[in-house]
Amino acid sequence: MDNQPAATAVKSPPALGVVWNVPNILSISRLVLAVICFALLAVEWYLPALVFFAIAAGTDWVDGFWARRYGQITQLGRILDPFADKIVICGTFIFLAAVPPVITGESASEIAAWMAVVVVARELLVTALRGFFEEHGFDFSAKWSGKWKMVFQCVALAASLARLWLYKYENSAWHPAPPDWTTWALRLVVWVAVGMTIYSGWVYVQRALGMLRK
C-alpha cells in the first residue's frame, strides 16, 4: 500500500454543479453533529457526546458508500467530506486532550496534547499534498492506510469517551475510580491510533515523493 508511487491522471472529474444530494447532506449533517458533540464535551456530558460522535462517525461510512454506489460523487463532496471528517476527528482529539487531569496529575482521557498536535499536523499535511497534486491533474485520493487510520482513531476516541462516562469523571475526579485494566487498554488503543496516524501520513509523503520524481 505504501509502495505505490505511480500517479494517474484524473479521467472523469466529479460533477461540478451538484450541491444537494444525499452524500453532501450527510457531510453537512456531520459538521452539525460535530459542533453539538464539542458543546457537550465542554460541559462534561460524556454520554451524549459519545452518542453524537458515534453518529457523526457513522455518517462518514454511509455517505462514502452512497456516493460510490449511486454515482453521486461531486466536486463539492470531495471537498466537504474530508473537511467534515477532519473537524470531527481533530476537534474531538483536541477537546479530549483538554479534559482536566485527575487530581493526582494523570490524564483522564489518556490523550495528551502532543497527540492532538500529531493528528492535526498529519491532516494538514495530507490536505496540502492532495490540493497540490489534484490541482495539477493527478489522483491523490485516500489510501487504505488512511481508512484504517480513521477506524483506529474513531475506536480510540469512542473508548476514551465511554470510559469518562462509565466512571463518571467530573471535577477532576472519578466516581468511582476505573480499574487499572481499563487504563492500560485505553492507552494501547490510543497509541495504536497515533501510530497509524503517523504511518498513514508517511505513506502519503512517500506517494508524493514518487509523483514528484516522475
N, C-alpha and C. Protein backbone atom coordinates (compact mmCIF):
# COMPACT_ATOMS: atom_id res chain seq x y z
N MET A 1 0.82 -1.21 0.00
CA MET A 1 0.00 0.00 0.00
C MET A 1 0.85 1.25 0.00
N ASP A 2 1.94 1.22 0.81
CA ASP A 2 2.78 2.39 0.87
C ASP A 2 3.85 2.38 -0.21
N ASN A 3 3.84 1.35 -1.09
CA ASN A 3 4.81 1.28 -2.17
C ASN A 3 4.15 1.49 -3.51
N GLN A 4 3.29 2.50 -3.62
CA GLN A 4 2.57 2.77 -4.84
C GLN A 4 2.83 4.20 -5.27
N PRO A 5 3.98 4.50 -5.85
CA PRO A 5 4.30 5.88 -6.21
C PRO A 5 3.70 6.32 -7.51
N ALA A 6 3.12 5.39 -8.27
CA ALA A 6 2.63 5.76 -9.59
C ALA A 6 1.48 6.75 -9.49
N ALA A 7 1.44 7.69 -10.41
CA ALA A 7 0.38 8.69 -10.44
C ALA A 7 -0.44 8.49 -11.68
N THR A 8 -1.73 8.68 -11.55
CA THR A 8 -2.62 8.55 -12.69
C THR A 8 -3.43 9.81 -12.84
N ALA A 9 -3.60 10.26 -14.04
CA ALA A 9 -4.38 11.46 -14.29
C ALA A 9 -5.84 11.19 -14.03
N VAL A 10 -6.56 12.17 -13.54
CA VAL A 10 -7.98 12.03 -13.28
C VAL A 10 -8.71 12.01 -14.62
N LYS A 11 -9.40 10.90 -14.91
CA LYS A 11 -10.02 10.74 -16.22
C LYS A 11 -11.43 11.30 -16.28
N SER A 12 -12.18 11.11 -15.21
CA SER A 12 -13.57 11.59 -15.23
C SER A 12 -13.82 12.41 -13.97
N PRO A 13 -13.62 13.72 -14.04
CA PRO A 13 -13.77 14.57 -12.86
C PRO A 13 -15.19 14.53 -12.32
N PRO A 14 -15.34 14.69 -11.00
CA PRO A 14 -16.67 14.69 -10.40
C PRO A 14 -17.52 15.84 -10.92
N ALA A 15 -18.84 15.68 -10.76
CA ALA A 15 -19.78 16.72 -11.19
C ALA A 15 -19.52 18.01 -10.44
N LEU A 16 -19.59 19.13 -11.16
CA LEU A 16 -19.27 20.41 -10.55
C LEU A 16 -20.48 21.11 -9.96
N GLY A 17 -21.64 20.98 -10.59
CA GLY A 17 -22.76 21.82 -10.22
C GLY A 17 -23.69 21.24 -9.18
N VAL A 18 -23.49 19.98 -8.76
CA VAL A 18 -24.42 19.34 -7.84
C VAL A 18 -24.06 19.70 -6.41
N VAL A 19 -25.07 20.13 -5.65
CA VAL A 19 -24.85 20.51 -4.25
C VAL A 19 -25.68 19.63 -3.33
N TRP A 20 -26.99 19.61 -3.54
CA TRP A 20 -27.89 18.95 -2.60
C TRP A 20 -28.18 17.52 -3.02
N ASN A 21 -27.25 16.63 -2.75
CA ASN A 21 -27.54 15.21 -2.88
C ASN A 21 -27.31 14.55 -1.52
N VAL A 22 -27.62 13.26 -1.42
CA VAL A 22 -27.57 12.58 -0.11
C VAL A 22 -26.18 12.63 0.53
N PRO A 23 -25.09 12.30 -0.20
CA PRO A 23 -23.77 12.34 0.45
C PRO A 23 -23.40 13.72 0.98
N ASN A 24 -23.71 14.77 0.21
CA ASN A 24 -23.36 16.12 0.67
C ASN A 24 -24.19 16.54 1.88
N ILE A 25 -25.45 16.15 1.89
CA ILE A 25 -26.30 16.46 3.05
C ILE A 25 -25.78 15.74 4.30
N LEU A 26 -25.34 14.49 4.12
CA LEU A 26 -24.77 13.76 5.25
C LEU A 26 -23.48 14.41 5.75
N SER A 27 -22.68 14.92 4.83
CA SER A 27 -21.44 15.59 5.24
C SER A 27 -21.75 16.86 6.02
N ILE A 28 -22.74 17.62 5.56
CA ILE A 28 -23.14 18.83 6.28
C ILE A 28 -23.70 18.48 7.66
N SER A 29 -24.51 17.41 7.71
CA SER A 29 -25.06 16.99 9.00
C SER A 29 -23.95 16.54 9.94
N ARG A 30 -22.86 15.98 9.39
CA ARG A 30 -21.74 15.57 10.22
C ARG A 30 -21.08 16.77 10.88
N LEU A 31 -21.01 17.87 10.17
CA LEU A 31 -20.47 19.10 10.76
C LEU A 31 -21.35 19.59 11.91
N VAL A 32 -22.66 19.52 11.72
CA VAL A 32 -23.59 19.95 12.77
C VAL A 32 -23.45 19.04 13.99
N LEU A 33 -23.38 17.73 13.75
CA LEU A 33 -23.22 16.78 14.84
C LEU A 33 -21.91 17.02 15.59
N ALA A 34 -20.86 17.38 14.86
CA ALA A 34 -19.57 17.65 15.49
C ALA A 34 -19.67 18.84 16.43
N VAL A 35 -20.34 19.89 16.00
CA VAL A 35 -20.49 21.08 16.84
C VAL A 35 -21.25 20.74 18.12
N ILE A 36 -22.31 19.94 17.99
CA ILE A 36 -23.08 19.53 19.17
C ILE A 36 -22.21 18.69 20.10
N CYS A 37 -21.43 17.76 19.52
CA CYS A 37 -20.53 16.92 20.31
C CYS A 37 -19.54 17.77 21.09
N PHE A 38 -18.97 18.78 20.45
CA PHE A 38 -17.98 19.64 21.13
C PHE A 38 -18.63 20.43 22.26
N ALA A 39 -19.85 20.90 22.03
CA ALA A 39 -20.56 21.64 23.08
C ALA A 39 -20.82 20.75 24.30
N LEU A 40 -21.16 19.48 24.03
CA LEU A 40 -21.40 18.54 25.13
C LEU A 40 -20.12 18.22 25.88
N LEU A 41 -19.01 18.10 25.14
CA LEU A 41 -17.73 17.85 25.80
C LEU A 41 -17.32 19.02 26.68
N ALA A 42 -17.66 20.22 26.25
CA ALA A 42 -17.28 21.41 27.01
C ALA A 42 -17.94 21.44 28.38
N VAL A 43 -19.12 20.82 28.49
CA VAL A 43 -19.83 20.80 29.78
C VAL A 43 -19.73 19.42 30.45
N GLU A 44 -18.85 18.56 29.93
CA GLU A 44 -18.57 17.25 30.51
C GLU A 44 -19.78 16.32 30.49
N TRP A 45 -20.59 16.40 29.44
CA TRP A 45 -21.69 15.45 29.25
C TRP A 45 -21.19 14.38 28.30
N TYR A 46 -20.52 13.38 28.86
CA TYR A 46 -19.77 12.45 28.03
C TYR A 46 -20.64 11.42 27.31
N LEU A 47 -21.73 10.97 27.91
CA LEU A 47 -22.58 10.00 27.22
C LEU A 47 -23.25 10.61 25.99
N PRO A 48 -23.91 11.77 26.10
CA PRO A 48 -24.47 12.37 24.87
C PRO A 48 -23.38 12.69 23.85
N ALA A 49 -22.20 13.12 24.32
CA ALA A 49 -21.10 13.41 23.39
C ALA A 49 -20.69 12.14 22.65
N LEU A 50 -20.64 11.01 23.36
CA LEU A 50 -20.31 9.73 22.73
C LEU A 50 -21.35 9.35 21.68
N VAL A 51 -22.61 9.56 21.98
CA VAL A 51 -23.68 9.23 21.04
C VAL A 51 -23.55 10.07 19.77
N PHE A 52 -23.39 11.37 19.93
CA PHE A 52 -23.27 12.25 18.76
C PHE A 52 -22.00 11.96 17.97
N PHE A 53 -20.92 11.63 18.67
CA PHE A 53 -19.68 11.29 17.97
C PHE A 53 -19.87 10.01 17.15
N ALA A 54 -20.51 9.01 17.74
CA ALA A 54 -20.73 7.75 17.04
C ALA A 54 -21.61 7.95 15.80
N ILE A 55 -22.64 8.77 15.92
CA ILE A 55 -23.50 9.04 14.77
C ILE A 55 -22.71 9.77 13.68
N ALA A 56 -21.93 10.76 14.09
CA ALA A 56 -21.13 11.52 13.13
C ALA A 56 -20.14 10.61 12.41
N ALA A 57 -19.46 9.75 13.15
CA ALA A 57 -18.51 8.82 12.53
C ALA A 57 -19.22 7.86 11.60
N GLY A 58 -20.42 7.44 11.97
CA GLY A 58 -21.17 6.51 11.12
C GLY A 58 -21.60 7.12 9.80
N THR A 59 -21.93 8.41 9.81
CA THR A 59 -22.35 9.05 8.56
C THR A 59 -21.21 9.13 7.56
N ASP A 60 -19.97 9.08 8.04
CA ASP A 60 -18.83 9.09 7.11
C ASP A 60 -18.85 7.86 6.23
N TRP A 61 -19.10 6.70 6.82
CA TRP A 61 -19.17 5.47 6.04
C TRP A 61 -20.38 5.49 5.12
N VAL A 62 -21.51 5.97 5.62
CA VAL A 62 -22.74 5.96 4.83
C VAL A 62 -22.62 6.86 3.60
N ASP A 63 -22.12 8.09 3.77
CA ASP A 63 -22.08 8.98 2.61
C ASP A 63 -21.07 8.52 1.57
N GLY A 64 -19.95 7.90 2.03
CA GLY A 64 -19.00 7.36 1.07
C GLY A 64 -19.58 6.20 0.28
N PHE A 65 -20.27 5.31 0.99
CA PHE A 65 -20.91 4.17 0.32
C PHE A 65 -21.97 4.65 -0.67
N TRP A 66 -22.80 5.60 -0.23
CA TRP A 66 -23.88 6.10 -1.08
C TRP A 66 -23.33 6.78 -2.34
N ALA A 67 -22.28 7.58 -2.16
CA ALA A 67 -21.72 8.30 -3.31
C ALA A 67 -21.17 7.34 -4.35
N ARG A 68 -20.50 6.27 -3.90
CA ARG A 68 -19.94 5.30 -4.85
C ARG A 68 -21.02 4.41 -5.44
N ARG A 69 -21.96 3.99 -4.60
CA ARG A 69 -22.99 3.05 -5.05
C ARG A 69 -23.92 3.68 -6.08
N TYR A 70 -24.26 4.94 -5.90
CA TYR A 70 -25.23 5.58 -6.79
C TYR A 70 -24.60 6.65 -7.68
N GLY A 71 -23.29 6.66 -7.77
CA GLY A 71 -22.61 7.58 -8.67
C GLY A 71 -22.86 9.04 -8.36
N GLN A 72 -22.89 9.39 -7.08
CA GLN A 72 -23.17 10.77 -6.67
C GLN A 72 -21.92 11.46 -6.13
N ILE A 73 -20.77 11.15 -6.72
CA ILE A 73 -19.53 11.82 -6.35
C ILE A 73 -19.49 13.18 -7.02
N THR A 74 -19.36 14.23 -6.23
CA THR A 74 -19.35 15.60 -6.76
C THR A 74 -18.08 16.32 -6.31
N GLN A 75 -17.80 17.42 -6.98
CA GLN A 75 -16.63 18.22 -6.60
C GLN A 75 -16.79 18.77 -5.20
N LEU A 76 -18.00 19.23 -4.86
CA LEU A 76 -18.25 19.73 -3.51
C LEU A 76 -18.06 18.62 -2.49
N GLY A 77 -18.53 17.42 -2.83
CA GLY A 77 -18.40 16.30 -1.92
C GLY A 77 -16.96 15.93 -1.65
N ARG A 78 -16.11 16.03 -2.67
CA ARG A 78 -14.70 15.71 -2.50
C ARG A 78 -14.01 16.71 -1.56
N ILE A 79 -14.59 17.89 -1.43
CA ILE A 79 -14.05 18.89 -0.50
C ILE A 79 -14.72 18.77 0.87
N LEU A 80 -16.05 18.63 0.85
CA LEU A 80 -16.84 18.67 2.07
C LEU A 80 -16.64 17.42 2.93
N ASP A 81 -16.57 16.25 2.31
CA ASP A 81 -16.46 15.01 3.06
C ASP A 81 -15.18 14.94 3.89
N PRO A 82 -13.98 15.12 3.31
CA PRO A 82 -12.78 15.09 4.14
C PRO A 82 -12.71 16.24 5.14
N PHE A 83 -13.28 17.39 4.78
CA PHE A 83 -13.29 18.51 5.73
C PHE A 83 -14.11 18.16 6.96
N ALA A 84 -15.29 17.56 6.76
CA ALA A 84 -16.13 17.16 7.89
C ALA A 84 -15.43 16.10 8.73
N ASP A 85 -14.76 15.16 8.07
CA ASP A 85 -14.03 14.13 8.81
C ASP A 85 -12.97 14.75 9.71
N LYS A 86 -12.23 15.70 9.17
CA LYS A 86 -11.14 16.32 9.93
C LYS A 86 -11.67 17.12 11.11
N ILE A 87 -12.81 17.79 10.92
CA ILE A 87 -13.41 18.54 12.02
C ILE A 87 -13.81 17.59 13.14
N VAL A 88 -14.46 16.48 12.79
CA VAL A 88 -14.92 15.53 13.80
C VAL A 88 -13.74 14.94 14.56
N ILE A 89 -12.74 14.42 13.83
CA ILE A 89 -11.63 13.72 14.46
C ILE A 89 -10.70 14.69 15.19
N CYS A 90 -10.23 15.71 14.48
CA CYS A 90 -9.29 16.65 15.11
C CYS A 90 -9.94 17.38 16.28
N GLY A 91 -11.18 17.81 16.11
CA GLY A 91 -11.86 18.52 17.18
C GLY A 91 -12.04 17.68 18.42
N THR A 92 -12.42 16.41 18.24
CA THR A 92 -12.61 15.53 19.39
C THR A 92 -11.28 15.23 20.08
N PHE A 93 -10.23 15.03 19.30
CA PHE A 93 -8.90 14.85 19.91
C PHE A 93 -8.52 16.06 20.75
N ILE A 94 -8.76 17.25 20.22
CA ILE A 94 -8.40 18.48 20.94
C ILE A 94 -9.20 18.61 22.23
N PHE A 95 -10.50 18.38 22.15
CA PHE A 95 -11.33 18.51 23.35
C PHE A 95 -10.96 17.47 24.40
N LEU A 96 -10.66 16.24 23.98
CA LEU A 96 -10.29 15.22 24.96
C LEU A 96 -8.91 15.48 25.54
N ALA A 97 -8.01 16.04 24.73
CA ALA A 97 -6.70 16.41 25.27
C ALA A 97 -6.82 17.51 26.31
N ALA A 98 -7.89 18.31 26.19
CA ALA A 98 -8.10 19.43 27.12
C ALA A 98 -8.89 19.04 28.36
N VAL A 99 -9.31 17.78 28.46
CA VAL A 99 -10.03 17.35 29.67
C VAL A 99 -9.12 17.54 30.88
N PRO A 100 -9.60 18.19 31.93
CA PRO A 100 -8.74 18.43 33.11
C PRO A 100 -8.18 17.13 33.65
N PRO A 101 -6.89 17.11 34.02
CA PRO A 101 -6.29 15.88 34.55
C PRO A 101 -6.87 15.50 35.90
N VAL A 102 -6.65 14.24 36.26
CA VAL A 102 -7.06 13.78 37.58
C VAL A 102 -6.27 14.55 38.65
N ILE A 103 -6.83 14.63 39.83
CA ILE A 103 -6.18 15.38 40.91
C ILE A 103 -4.74 14.90 41.12
N THR A 104 -4.50 13.61 40.87
CA THR A 104 -3.14 13.06 41.03
C THR A 104 -2.21 13.48 39.89
N GLY A 105 -2.76 14.13 38.86
CA GLY A 105 -1.94 14.59 37.75
C GLY A 105 -2.00 13.71 36.52
N GLU A 106 -2.65 12.56 36.61
CA GLU A 106 -2.75 11.65 35.47
C GLU A 106 -3.80 12.15 34.48
N SER A 107 -3.61 11.78 33.21
CA SER A 107 -4.57 12.15 32.19
C SER A 107 -5.84 11.31 32.32
N ALA A 108 -6.98 11.94 32.33
CA ALA A 108 -8.24 11.21 32.44
C ALA A 108 -8.64 10.60 31.11
N SER A 109 -8.39 11.32 30.02
CA SER A 109 -8.79 10.83 28.69
C SER A 109 -7.73 9.94 28.06
N GLU A 110 -6.50 9.95 28.61
CA GLU A 110 -5.34 9.23 28.06
C GLU A 110 -4.92 9.78 26.69
N ILE A 111 -5.39 10.98 26.36
CA ILE A 111 -5.00 11.64 25.11
C ILE A 111 -4.22 12.90 25.48
N ALA A 112 -2.93 12.89 25.19
CA ALA A 112 -2.08 14.02 25.52
C ALA A 112 -2.18 15.11 24.46
N ALA A 113 -1.77 16.31 24.83
CA ALA A 113 -1.84 17.43 23.90
C ALA A 113 -1.00 17.18 22.65
N TRP A 114 0.19 16.55 22.83
CA TRP A 114 1.05 16.32 21.68
C TRP A 114 0.41 15.35 20.69
N MET A 115 -0.44 14.43 21.19
CA MET A 115 -1.14 13.52 20.30
C MET A 115 -2.12 14.27 19.41
N ALA A 116 -2.82 15.23 20.00
CA ALA A 116 -3.73 16.05 19.19
C ALA A 116 -2.96 16.84 18.15
N VAL A 117 -1.78 17.34 18.52
CA VAL A 117 -0.95 18.08 17.57
C VAL A 117 -0.54 17.18 16.41
N VAL A 118 -0.14 15.94 16.71
CA VAL A 118 0.26 14.99 15.65
C VAL A 118 -0.90 14.74 14.70
N VAL A 119 -2.09 14.53 15.25
CA VAL A 119 -3.26 14.26 14.41
C VAL A 119 -3.57 15.45 13.51
N VAL A 120 -3.59 16.64 14.08
CA VAL A 120 -3.89 17.84 13.29
C VAL A 120 -2.81 18.07 12.24
N ALA A 121 -1.53 17.90 12.61
CA ALA A 121 -0.43 18.12 11.66
C ALA A 121 -0.51 17.15 10.50
N ARG A 122 -0.82 15.91 10.78
CA ARG A 122 -0.95 14.91 9.69
C ARG A 122 -2.06 15.31 8.73
N GLU A 123 -3.20 15.73 9.25
CA GLU A 123 -4.32 16.10 8.39
C GLU A 123 -3.99 17.33 7.54
N LEU A 124 -3.33 18.30 8.14
CA LEU A 124 -2.94 19.50 7.38
C LEU A 124 -1.96 19.14 6.26
N LEU A 125 -1.00 18.26 6.57
CA LEU A 125 -0.01 17.87 5.57
C LEU A 125 -0.66 17.14 4.40
N VAL A 126 -1.50 16.16 4.69
CA VAL A 126 -2.13 15.39 3.62
C VAL A 126 -3.07 16.27 2.80
N THR A 127 -3.78 17.17 3.46
CA THR A 127 -4.66 18.09 2.73
C THR A 127 -3.87 18.97 1.78
N ALA A 128 -2.72 19.47 2.25
CA ALA A 128 -1.89 20.31 1.39
C ALA A 128 -1.36 19.52 0.20
N LEU A 129 -0.90 18.30 0.44
CA LEU A 129 -0.39 17.47 -0.65
C LEU A 129 -1.49 17.14 -1.65
N ARG A 130 -2.67 16.78 -1.15
CA ARG A 130 -3.78 16.43 -2.04
C ARG A 130 -4.18 17.64 -2.89
N GLY A 131 -4.26 18.81 -2.27
CA GLY A 131 -4.62 20.00 -3.03
C GLY A 131 -3.61 20.31 -4.13
N PHE A 132 -2.33 20.16 -3.83
CA PHE A 132 -1.28 20.45 -4.81
C PHE A 132 -1.35 19.50 -5.99
N PHE A 133 -1.41 18.20 -5.73
CA PHE A 133 -1.36 17.23 -6.82
C PHE A 133 -2.64 17.19 -7.63
N GLU A 134 -3.80 17.31 -6.98
CA GLU A 134 -5.04 17.29 -7.74
C GLU A 134 -5.21 18.57 -8.55
N GLU A 135 -4.62 19.67 -8.09
CA GLU A 135 -4.63 20.90 -8.87
C GLU A 135 -3.86 20.70 -10.18
N HIS A 136 -2.86 19.81 -10.15
CA HIS A 136 -2.07 19.53 -11.34
C HIS A 136 -2.57 18.31 -12.10
N GLY A 137 -3.80 17.86 -11.79
CA GLY A 137 -4.43 16.83 -12.59
C GLY A 137 -4.13 15.40 -12.20
N PHE A 138 -3.63 15.15 -10.99
CA PHE A 138 -3.32 13.79 -10.57
C PHE A 138 -4.24 13.35 -9.45
N ASP A 139 -4.46 12.03 -9.43
CA ASP A 139 -5.34 11.45 -8.42
C ASP A 139 -4.57 11.25 -7.13
N PHE A 140 -5.02 11.89 -6.06
CA PHE A 140 -4.38 11.76 -4.75
C PHE A 140 -5.44 11.36 -3.72
N SER A 141 -6.31 10.45 -4.13
CA SER A 141 -7.42 10.05 -3.28
C SER A 141 -6.91 9.19 -2.12
N ALA A 142 -7.81 8.90 -1.18
CA ALA A 142 -7.44 8.21 0.05
C ALA A 142 -6.94 6.79 -0.22
N LYS A 143 -5.96 6.36 0.56
CA LYS A 143 -5.44 5.01 0.52
C LYS A 143 -5.97 4.22 1.71
N TRP A 144 -5.77 2.89 1.65
CA TRP A 144 -6.29 2.06 2.73
C TRP A 144 -5.65 2.38 4.07
N SER A 145 -4.40 2.83 4.05
CA SER A 145 -3.77 3.21 5.32
C SER A 145 -4.53 4.37 5.96
N GLY A 146 -5.01 5.30 5.13
CA GLY A 146 -5.79 6.42 5.64
C GLY A 146 -7.13 5.97 6.19
N LYS A 147 -7.74 4.98 5.53
CA LYS A 147 -9.04 4.49 6.00
C LYS A 147 -8.89 3.74 7.33
N TRP A 148 -7.83 2.92 7.45
CA TRP A 148 -7.61 2.22 8.71
C TRP A 148 -7.23 3.20 9.82
N LYS A 149 -6.50 4.23 9.45
CA LYS A 149 -6.18 5.28 10.43
C LYS A 149 -7.46 5.87 11.01
N MET A 150 -8.43 6.13 10.16
CA MET A 150 -9.70 6.69 10.59
C MET A 150 -10.44 5.73 11.52
N VAL A 151 -10.40 4.44 11.21
CA VAL A 151 -11.06 3.44 12.05
C VAL A 151 -10.45 3.42 13.44
N PHE A 152 -9.12 3.35 13.53
CA PHE A 152 -8.46 3.29 14.84
C PHE A 152 -8.66 4.58 15.62
N GLN A 153 -8.66 5.72 14.93
CA GLN A 153 -8.91 6.97 15.62
C GLN A 153 -10.31 7.00 16.23
N CYS A 154 -11.29 6.55 15.46
CA CYS A 154 -12.68 6.53 15.96
C CYS A 154 -12.81 5.60 17.16
N VAL A 155 -12.17 4.43 17.09
CA VAL A 155 -12.22 3.48 18.21
C VAL A 155 -11.59 4.09 19.46
N ALA A 156 -10.43 4.74 19.29
CA ALA A 156 -9.74 5.34 20.43
C ALA A 156 -10.56 6.45 21.06
N LEU A 157 -11.14 7.31 20.24
CA LEU A 157 -11.93 8.41 20.77
C LEU A 157 -13.20 7.91 21.45
N ALA A 158 -13.86 6.93 20.84
CA ALA A 158 -15.07 6.37 21.43
C ALA A 158 -14.75 5.69 22.75
N ALA A 159 -13.62 4.96 22.81
CA ALA A 159 -13.24 4.28 24.05
C ALA A 159 -12.94 5.29 25.16
N SER A 160 -12.28 6.39 24.81
CA SER A 160 -11.98 7.42 25.81
C SER A 160 -13.26 8.06 26.33
N LEU A 161 -14.18 8.38 25.44
CA LEU A 161 -15.45 8.95 25.85
C LEU A 161 -16.25 7.98 26.72
N ALA A 162 -16.25 6.70 26.32
CA ALA A 162 -17.01 5.70 27.07
C ALA A 162 -16.46 5.55 28.49
N ARG A 163 -15.13 5.57 28.62
CA ARG A 163 -14.52 5.44 29.95
C ARG A 163 -14.83 6.65 30.82
N LEU A 164 -14.78 7.84 30.25
CA LEU A 164 -15.12 9.05 31.01
C LEU A 164 -16.56 9.01 31.49
N TRP A 165 -17.44 8.43 30.67
CA TRP A 165 -18.86 8.35 31.06
C TRP A 165 -19.10 7.24 32.07
N LEU A 166 -18.56 6.05 31.81
CA LEU A 166 -18.84 4.90 32.66
C LEU A 166 -18.40 5.14 34.10
N TYR A 167 -17.28 5.82 34.27
CA TYR A 167 -16.75 6.04 35.62
C TYR A 167 -16.96 7.48 36.08
N LYS A 168 -17.92 8.15 35.41
CA LYS A 168 -18.43 9.44 35.85
C LYS A 168 -17.32 10.42 36.24
N TYR A 169 -16.52 10.77 35.24
CA TYR A 169 -15.42 11.70 35.50
C TYR A 169 -15.94 13.14 35.50
N GLU A 170 -15.78 13.83 36.60
CA GLU A 170 -16.17 15.23 36.70
C GLU A 170 -15.43 15.88 37.86
N ASN A 171 -15.19 17.18 37.70
CA ASN A 171 -14.46 17.95 38.73
C ASN A 171 -13.11 17.32 39.06
N SER A 172 -12.43 16.83 38.00
CA SER A 172 -11.08 16.25 38.13
C SER A 172 -11.03 15.04 39.05
N ALA A 173 -12.11 14.27 39.09
CA ALA A 173 -12.12 13.08 39.93
C ALA A 173 -13.05 12.03 39.33
N TRP A 174 -12.74 10.75 39.62
CA TRP A 174 -13.58 9.63 39.17
C TRP A 174 -14.61 9.30 40.23
N HIS A 175 -15.77 8.80 39.79
CA HIS A 175 -16.84 8.40 40.72
C HIS A 175 -17.51 7.12 40.20
N PRO A 176 -16.95 5.93 40.42
CA PRO A 176 -15.75 5.57 41.19
C PRO A 176 -14.52 5.52 40.29
N ALA A 177 -13.36 5.17 40.88
CA ALA A 177 -12.12 5.06 40.11
C ALA A 177 -12.19 3.86 39.18
N PRO A 178 -11.77 4.02 37.92
CA PRO A 178 -11.81 2.90 36.97
C PRO A 178 -10.75 1.86 37.29
N PRO A 179 -11.00 0.60 36.94
CA PRO A 179 -9.98 -0.44 37.15
C PRO A 179 -8.74 -0.15 36.31
N ASP A 180 -7.62 -0.67 36.78
CA ASP A 180 -6.35 -0.43 36.07
C ASP A 180 -6.38 -0.98 34.64
N TRP A 181 -7.10 -2.11 34.43
CA TRP A 181 -7.08 -2.70 33.10
C TRP A 181 -7.72 -1.77 32.07
N THR A 182 -8.69 -0.96 32.48
CA THR A 182 -9.30 -0.03 31.52
C THR A 182 -8.31 1.05 31.11
N THR A 183 -7.46 1.45 32.05
CA THR A 183 -6.45 2.47 31.74
C THR A 183 -5.46 1.94 30.71
N TRP A 184 -4.95 0.71 30.94
CA TRP A 184 -3.95 0.16 30.02
C TRP A 184 -4.57 -0.19 28.67
N ALA A 185 -5.80 -0.67 28.68
CA ALA A 185 -6.47 -0.98 27.41
C ALA A 185 -6.68 0.28 26.58
N LEU A 186 -7.10 1.35 27.25
CA LEU A 186 -7.32 2.61 26.54
C LEU A 186 -6.00 3.17 26.02
N ARG A 187 -4.95 3.10 26.83
CA ARG A 187 -3.65 3.58 26.38
C ARG A 187 -3.19 2.84 25.13
N LEU A 188 -3.40 1.52 25.12
CA LEU A 188 -3.00 0.72 23.96
C LEU A 188 -3.74 1.16 22.71
N VAL A 189 -5.05 1.34 22.83
CA VAL A 189 -5.86 1.74 21.67
C VAL A 189 -5.45 3.12 21.18
N VAL A 190 -5.23 4.04 22.11
CA VAL A 190 -4.84 5.41 21.73
C VAL A 190 -3.48 5.41 21.04
N TRP A 191 -2.52 4.65 21.57
CA TRP A 191 -1.19 4.62 20.96
C TRP A 191 -1.23 3.96 19.58
N VAL A 192 -2.06 2.95 19.41
CA VAL A 192 -2.21 2.34 18.08
C VAL A 192 -2.77 3.37 17.10
N ALA A 193 -3.76 4.14 17.55
CA ALA A 193 -4.36 5.17 16.69
C ALA A 193 -3.33 6.22 16.31
N VAL A 194 -2.52 6.65 17.26
CA VAL A 194 -1.48 7.65 16.97
C VAL A 194 -0.43 7.06 16.03
N GLY A 195 -0.06 5.80 16.27
CA GLY A 195 0.90 5.14 15.39
C GLY A 195 0.39 5.03 13.96
N MET A 196 -0.89 4.67 13.80
CA MET A 196 -1.48 4.58 12.47
C MET A 196 -1.56 5.96 11.82
N THR A 197 -1.77 6.99 12.63
CA THR A 197 -1.81 8.36 12.10
C THR A 197 -0.45 8.73 11.49
N ILE A 198 0.61 8.43 12.23
CA ILE A 198 1.96 8.73 11.74
C ILE A 198 2.29 7.89 10.51
N TYR A 199 1.96 6.60 10.57
CA TYR A 199 2.27 5.70 9.45
C TYR A 199 1.53 6.12 8.18
N SER A 200 0.24 6.41 8.30
CA SER A 200 -0.52 6.78 7.12
C SER A 200 -0.02 8.10 6.53
N GLY A 201 0.42 9.01 7.40
CA GLY A 201 1.00 10.25 6.90
C GLY A 201 2.26 9.98 6.10
N TRP A 202 3.10 9.05 6.59
CA TRP A 202 4.32 8.70 5.88
C TRP A 202 4.02 8.05 4.53
N VAL A 203 2.95 7.24 4.48
CA VAL A 203 2.54 6.63 3.21
C VAL A 203 2.24 7.70 2.17
N TYR A 204 1.52 8.74 2.58
CA TYR A 204 1.19 9.82 1.65
C TYR A 204 2.43 10.62 1.25
N VAL A 205 3.35 10.79 2.18
CA VAL A 205 4.59 11.50 1.86
C VAL A 205 5.39 10.72 0.83
N GLN A 206 5.50 9.40 1.02
CA GLN A 206 6.19 8.56 0.05
C GLN A 206 5.53 8.64 -1.32
N ARG A 207 4.22 8.61 -1.31
CA ARG A 207 3.48 8.70 -2.58
C ARG A 207 3.74 10.02 -3.27
N ALA A 208 3.75 11.11 -2.50
CA ALA A 208 4.01 12.43 -3.07
C ALA A 208 5.42 12.52 -3.64
N LEU A 209 6.39 11.95 -2.90
CA LEU A 209 7.77 11.98 -3.40
C LEU A 209 7.90 11.19 -4.69
N GLY A 210 7.18 10.06 -4.79
CA GLY A 210 7.20 9.29 -6.02
C GLY A 210 6.63 10.06 -7.20
N MET A 211 5.55 10.80 -6.95
CA MET A 211 4.96 11.61 -8.01
C MET A 211 5.91 12.73 -8.44
N LEU A 212 6.58 13.35 -7.48
CA LEU A 212 7.49 14.44 -7.82
C LEU A 212 8.67 13.95 -8.64
N ARG A 213 9.14 12.74 -8.34
CA ARG A 213 10.27 12.20 -9.12
C ARG A 213 9.89 11.98 -10.57
N LYS A 214 8.62 11.70 -10.84
CA LYS A 214 8.18 11.49 -12.20
C LYS A 214 7.95 12.79 -12.95
